[in-house]
């Protein structure tokens, strides 16, 4: 965090937390349910998913955004940032439901651990790549320029 304004870190954390907390449960619901329900009911189920998983996804999304911001200036290429983002998304996404079950005490432990963790990992991957794209577009990731080695803000997507 040294050398950069705290407002940038806070904005990166809040952008990523908002995406993970509000968009992530909807993506997870679509991934988990596939075609089980008509998409007419999606807004109502999305609201229930945000209530159930949103707080844990928001907290872990904020953590992921700060980690992405911290590691983006240290990575030599954009591909390395993409690989780190994918690994971070799979990891934090798989932890969202168990985090909500054990920390917040919501839901059944067996169902939360075994049935929703793979869906959370897929959702975390999608959310993290979306967060990476948003943070790059907003100029919050300082990526190294491969030709000069100095940190500069670039848009790779």
C-alpha atoms as a PDB file:
ATOM      1  CA  UNK A   1       0.000   0.000   0.000  1.00  0.00           C
ATOM      2  CA  UNK A   2       3.023   2.238   0.223  1.00  0.00           C
ATOM      3  CA  UNK A   3       3.337   4.957  -2.359  1.00  0.00           C
ATOM      4  CA  UNK A   4      -0.293   5.005  -3.525  1.00  0.00           C
ATOM      5  CA  UNK A   5      -3.227   6.973  -2.160  1.00  0.00           C
ATOM      6  CA  UNK A   6      -5.506   5.129   0.201  1.00  0.00           C
ATOM      7  CA  UNK A   7      -8.490   6.184  -1.870  1.00  0.00           C
ATOM      8  CA  UNK A   8      -7.284   3.981  -4.760  1.00  0.00           C
ATOM      9  CA  UNK A   9      -7.049   0.963  -2.467  1.00  0.00           C
ATOM     10  CA  UNK A  10     -10.473   1.669  -1.019  1.00  0.00           C
ATOM     11  CA  UNK A  11     -12.024   2.130  -4.477  1.00  0.00           C
ATOM     12  CA  UNK A  12     -10.454  -1.114  -5.712  1.00  0.00           C
ATOM     13  CA  UNK A  13     -11.758  -2.967  -2.650  1.00  0.00           C
ATOM     14  CA  UNK A  14     -15.262  -1.518  -2.918  1.00  0.00           C
ATOM     15  CA  UNK A  15     -15.555  -2.068  -6.684  1.00  0.00           C
ATOM     16  CA  UNK A  16     -14.481  -5.685  -6.350  1.00  0.00           C
ATOM     17  CA  UNK A  17     -16.633  -6.255  -3.266  1.00  0.00           C
ATOM     18  CA  UNK A  18     -19.704  -4.813  -4.982  1.00  0.00           C
ATOM     19  CA  UNK A  19     -19.200  -6.964  -8.064  1.00  0.00           C
ATOM     20  CA  UNK A  20     -18.608 -10.105  -6.010  1.00  0.00           C
ATOM     21  CA  UNK A  21     -21.438  -9.357  -3.575  1.00  0.00           C
ATOM     22  CA  UNK A  22     -24.144  -8.323  -6.030  1.00  0.00           C
ATOM     23  CA  UNK A  23     -23.263  -9.891  -9.391  1.00  0.00           C
ATOM     24  CA  UNK A  24     -21.631 -13.069  -8.067  1.00  0.00           C
ATOM     25  CA  UNK A  25     -24.722 -14.610  -6.433  1.00  0.00           C
ATOM     26  CA  UNK A  26     -26.675 -14.159  -9.662  1.00  0.00           C
ATOM     27  CA  UNK A  27     -23.932 -15.839 -11.680  1.00  0.00           C
ATOM     28  CA  UNK A  28     -23.731 -18.620  -9.110  1.00  0.00           C
ATOM     29  CA  UNK A  29     -27.468 -19.164  -9.232  1.00  0.00           C
ATOM     30  CA  UNK A  30     -27.456 -19.419 -13.030  1.00  0.00           C
ATOM     31  CA  UNK A  31     -24.459 -21.788 -12.961  1.00  0.00           C
ATOM     32  CA  UNK A  32     -25.979 -23.984 -10.246  1.00  0.00           C
ATOM     33  CA  UNK A  33     -29.555 -24.136 -11.490  1.00  0.00           C
ATOM     34  CA  UNK A  34     -28.789 -24.149 -15.232  1.00  0.00           C
ATOM     35  CA  UNK A  35     -32.185 -24.705 -16.789  1.00  0.00           C
ATOM     36  CA  UNK A  36     -34.084 -26.007 -13.770  1.00  0.00           C
ATOM     37  CA  UNK A  37     -36.253 -22.892 -13.453  1.00  0.00           C
ATOM     38  CA  UNK A  38     -37.576 -20.533 -16.093  1.00  0.00           C
ATOM     39  CA  UNK A  39     -35.499 -17.359 -16.211  1.00  0.00           C
ATOM     40  CA  UNK A  40     -38.679 -15.418 -15.532  1.00  0.00           C
ATOM     41  CA  UNK A  41     -38.111 -16.125 -11.817  1.00  0.00           C
ATOM     42  CA  UNK A  42     -34.443 -15.098 -11.881  1.00  0.00           C
ATOM     43  CA  UNK A  43     -34.889 -11.633 -10.258  1.00  0.00           C
ATOM     44  CA  UNK A  44     -36.645 -13.100  -7.210  1.00  0.00           C
ATOM     45  CA  UNK A  45     -34.116 -15.906  -6.835  1.00  0.00           C
ATOM     46  CA  UNK A  46     -31.255 -13.470  -7.425  1.00  0.00           C
ATOM     47  CA  UNK A  47     -32.447 -11.341  -4.503  1.00  0.00           C
ATOM     48  CA  UNK A  48     -32.584 -14.423  -2.270  1.00  0.00           C
ATOM     49  CA  UNK A  49     -29.098 -15.448  -3.420  1.00  0.00           C
ATOM     50  CA  UNK A  50     -27.723 -11.970  -2.657  1.00  0.00           C
ATOM     51  CA  UNK A  51     -29.235 -12.121   0.821  1.00  0.00           C
ATOM     52  CA  UNK A  52     -27.801 -15.593   1.478  1.00  0.00           C
ATOM     53  CA  UNK A  53     -24.337 -15.334  -0.112  1.00  0.00           C
ATOM     54  CA  UNK A  54     -23.834 -11.614  -0.729  1.00  0.00           C
ATOM     55  CA  UNK A  55     -22.205 -10.557   2.567  1.00  0.00           C
ATOM     56  CA  UNK A  56     -19.569 -13.290   2.464  1.00  0.00           C
ATOM     57  CA  UNK A  57     -18.942 -12.651  -1.244  1.00  0.00           C
ATOM     58  CA  UNK A  58     -18.608  -8.915  -0.562  1.00  0.00           C
ATOM     59  CA  UNK A  59     -15.991  -9.435   2.148  1.00  0.00           C
ATOM     60  CA  UNK A  60     -13.976 -11.936   0.121  1.00  0.00           C
ATOM     61  CA  UNK A  61     -14.365  -9.785  -3.011  1.00  0.00           C
ATOM     62  CA  UNK A  62     -12.852  -6.829  -1.155  1.00  0.00           C
ATOM     63  CA  UNK A  63      -9.936  -9.019  -0.083  1.00  0.00           C
ATOM     64  CA  UNK A  64      -9.478 -10.248  -3.652  1.00  0.00           C
ATOM     65  CA  UNK A  65      -9.511  -6.727  -5.072  1.00  0.00           C
ATOM     66  CA  UNK A  66      -6.843  -5.559  -2.643  1.00  0.00           C
ATOM     67  CA  UNK A  67      -4.690  -8.608  -3.423  1.00  0.00           C
ATOM     68  CA  UNK A  68      -5.064  -8.031  -7.172  1.00  0.00           C
ATOM     69  CA  UNK A  69      -4.111  -4.379  -6.759  1.00  0.00           C
ATOM     70  CA  UNK A  70      -1.091  -5.256  -4.646  1.00  0.00           C
ATOM     71  CA  UNK A  71       0.176  -7.948  -7.003  1.00  0.00           C
ATOM     72  CA  UNK A  72      -0.554  -6.172 -10.279  1.00  0.00           C
ATOM     73  CA  UNK A  73       2.421  -3.808 -10.012  1.00  0.00           C
ATOM     74  CA  UNK A  74       4.772  -6.677  -9.183  1.00  0.00           C
ATOM     75  CA  UNK A  75       3.797  -8.979 -12.055  1.00  0.00           C
ATOM     76  CA  UNK A  76       6.033  -8.808 -15.134  1.00  0.00           C
ATOM     77  CA  UNK A  77       3.274  -9.344 -17.726  1.00  0.00           C
ATOM     78  CA  UNK A  78      -0.453  -9.086 -18.127  1.00  0.00           C
ATOM     79  CA  UNK A  79      -0.659 -12.846 -18.544  1.00  0.00           C
ATOM     80  CA  UNK A  80       0.799 -13.308 -15.087  1.00  0.00           C
ATOM     81  CA  UNK A  81      -1.871 -10.993 -13.671  1.00  0.00           C
ATOM     82  CA  UNK A  82      -4.547 -12.988 -15.505  1.00  0.00           C
ATOM     83  CA  UNK A  83      -3.168 -16.273 -14.123  1.00  0.00           C
ATOM     84  CA  UNK A  84      -3.036 -14.883 -10.581  1.00  0.00           C
ATOM     85  CA  UNK A  85      -6.582 -13.538 -10.960  1.00  0.00           C
ATOM     86  CA  UNK A  86      -7.844 -16.926 -12.162  1.00  0.00           C
ATOM     87  CA  UNK A  87      -6.202 -18.778  -9.263  1.00  0.00           C
ATOM     88  CA  UNK A  88      -7.442 -16.193  -6.774  1.00  0.00           C
ATOM     89  CA  UNK A  89     -10.972 -16.381  -8.185  1.00  0.00           C
ATOM     90  CA  UNK A  90     -11.103 -20.156  -7.991  1.00  0.00           C
ATOM     91  CA  UNK A  91      -9.781 -20.106  -4.437  1.00  0.00           C
ATOM     92  CA  UNK A  92     -11.862 -17.286  -2.989  1.00  0.00           C
ATOM     93  CA  UNK A  93     -14.955 -18.341  -4.921  1.00  0.00           C
ATOM     94  CA  UNK A  94     -14.752 -21.839  -3.503  1.00  0.00           C
ATOM     95  CA  UNK A  95     -14.456 -20.381  -0.008  1.00  0.00           C
ATOM     96  CA  UNK A  96     -17.473 -18.031  -0.199  1.00  0.00           C
ATOM     97  CA  UNK A  97     -20.137 -20.527   0.892  1.00  0.00           C
ATOM     98  CA  UNK A  98     -18.066 -22.220   3.644  1.00  0.00           C
ATOM     99  CA  UNK A  99     -17.051 -18.736   4.849  1.00  0.00           C
ATOM    100  CA  UNK A 100     -20.721 -17.771   5.097  1.00  0.00           C
ATOM    101  CA  UNK A 101     -21.599 -21.036   6.841  1.00  0.00           C
ATOM    102  CA  UNK A 102     -18.821 -21.015   9.439  1.00  0.00           C
ATOM    103  CA  UNK A 103     -18.266 -17.296  10.029  1.00  0.00           C
ATOM    104  CA  UNK A 104     -21.812 -15.984   9.714  1.00  0.00           C
ATOM    105  CA  UNK A 105     -23.511 -19.247  10.773  1.00  0.00           C
ATOM    106  CA  UNK A 106     -25.884 -19.385   7.795  1.00  0.00           C
ATOM    107  CA  UNK A 107     -27.046 -22.586   6.177  1.00  0.00           C
ATOM    108  CA  UNK A 108     -26.367 -26.255   6.652  1.00  0.00           C
ATOM    109  CA  UNK A 109     -22.709 -27.195   7.029  1.00  0.00           C
ATOM    110  CA  UNK A 110     -22.812 -30.373   4.937  1.00  0.00           C
ATOM    111  CA  UNK A 111     -24.698 -28.834   2.038  1.00  0.00           C
ATOM    112  CA  UNK A 112     -22.629 -25.654   2.134  1.00  0.00           C
ATOM    113  CA  UNK A 113     -19.338 -27.484   1.992  1.00  0.00           C
ATOM    114  CA  UNK A 114     -19.952 -30.212  -0.527  1.00  0.00           C
ATOM    115  CA  UNK A 115     -22.579 -29.047  -2.974  1.00  0.00           C
ATOM    116  CA  UNK A 116     -21.973 -25.324  -3.383  1.00  0.00           C
ATOM    117  CA  UNK A 117     -18.158 -25.122  -3.254  1.00  0.00           C
ATOM    118  CA  UNK A 118     -17.612 -26.153  -6.914  1.00  0.00           C
ATOM    119  CA  UNK A 119     -20.288 -23.702  -8.041  1.00  0.00           C
ATOM    120  CA  UNK A 120     -18.630 -21.039  -5.927  1.00  0.00           C
ATOM    121  CA  UNK A 121     -15.267 -21.761  -7.541  1.00  0.00           C
ATOM    122  CA  UNK A 122     -16.684 -21.340 -11.054  1.00  0.00           C
ATOM    123  CA  UNK A 123     -18.521 -18.209  -9.989  1.00  0.00           C
ATOM    124  CA  UNK A 124     -15.375 -16.870  -8.317  1.00  0.00           C
ATOM    125  CA  UNK A 125     -13.415 -17.345 -11.524  1.00  0.00           C
ATOM    126  CA  UNK A 126     -16.019 -15.470 -13.562  1.00  0.00           C
ATOM    127  CA  UNK A 127     -16.307 -12.706 -10.951  1.00  0.00           C
ATOM    128  CA  UNK A 128     -12.562 -12.267 -10.622  1.00  0.00           C
ATOM    129  CA  UNK A 129     -12.086 -11.912 -14.359  1.00  0.00           C
ATOM    130  CA  UNK A 130     -14.934  -9.386 -14.381  1.00  0.00           C
ATOM    131  CA  UNK A 131     -13.325  -7.541 -11.443  1.00  0.00           C
ATOM    132  CA  UNK A 132      -9.979  -7.562 -13.228  1.00  0.00           C
ATOM    133  CA  UNK A 133     -11.578  -6.057 -16.316  1.00  0.00           C
ATOM    134  CA  UNK A 134     -13.384  -3.356 -14.288  1.00  0.00           C
ATOM    135  CA  UNK A 135     -10.289  -2.421 -12.283  1.00  0.00           C
ATOM    136  CA  UNK A 136      -8.256  -2.128 -15.491  1.00  0.00           C
ATOM    137  CA  UNK A 137     -10.928   0.018 -17.142  1.00  0.00           C
ATOM    138  CA  UNK A 138     -11.130   2.298 -14.110  1.00  0.00           C
ATOM    139  CA  UNK A 139      -7.336   2.681 -14.019  1.00  0.00           C
ATOM    140  CA  UNK A 140      -6.943   1.123 -10.583  1.00  0.00           C
ATOM    141  CA  UNK A 141      -4.394  -1.536 -11.562  1.00  0.00           C
ATOM    142  CA  UNK A 142      -0.828  -0.377 -12.081  1.00  0.00           C
ATOM    143  CA  UNK A 143       0.721  -2.893 -14.434  1.00  0.00           C
ATOM    144  CA  UNK A 144       4.341  -2.999 -15.458  1.00  0.00           C
ATOM    145  CA  UNK A 145       5.171  -1.940 -18.944  1.00  0.00           C
ATOM    146  CA  UNK A 146       7.205  -4.870 -20.274  1.00  0.00           C
ATOM    147  CA  UNK A 147       9.520  -2.674 -22.372  1.00  0.00           C
ATOM    148  CA  UNK A 148      10.623  -0.215 -19.693  1.00  0.00           C
ATOM    149  CA  UNK A 149      10.089  -2.170 -16.486  1.00  0.00           C
ATOM    150  CA  UNK A 150       8.454   0.867 -14.852  1.00  0.00           C
ATOM    151  CA  UNK A 151       4.958   0.698 -13.424  1.00  0.00           C
ATOM    152  CA  UNK A 152       2.376   2.304 -15.673  1.00  0.00           C
ATOM    153  CA  UNK A 153      -1.360   2.117 -16.068  1.00  0.00           C
ATOM    154  CA  UNK A 154      -2.207   0.063 -19.144  1.00  0.00           C
ATOM    155  CA  UNK A 155      -5.293  -1.502 -20.542  1.00  0.00           C
ATOM    156  CA  UNK A 156      -4.650  -5.054 -21.679  1.00  0.00           C
ATOM    157  CA  UNK A 157      -8.236  -6.019 -22.437  1.00  0.00           C
END
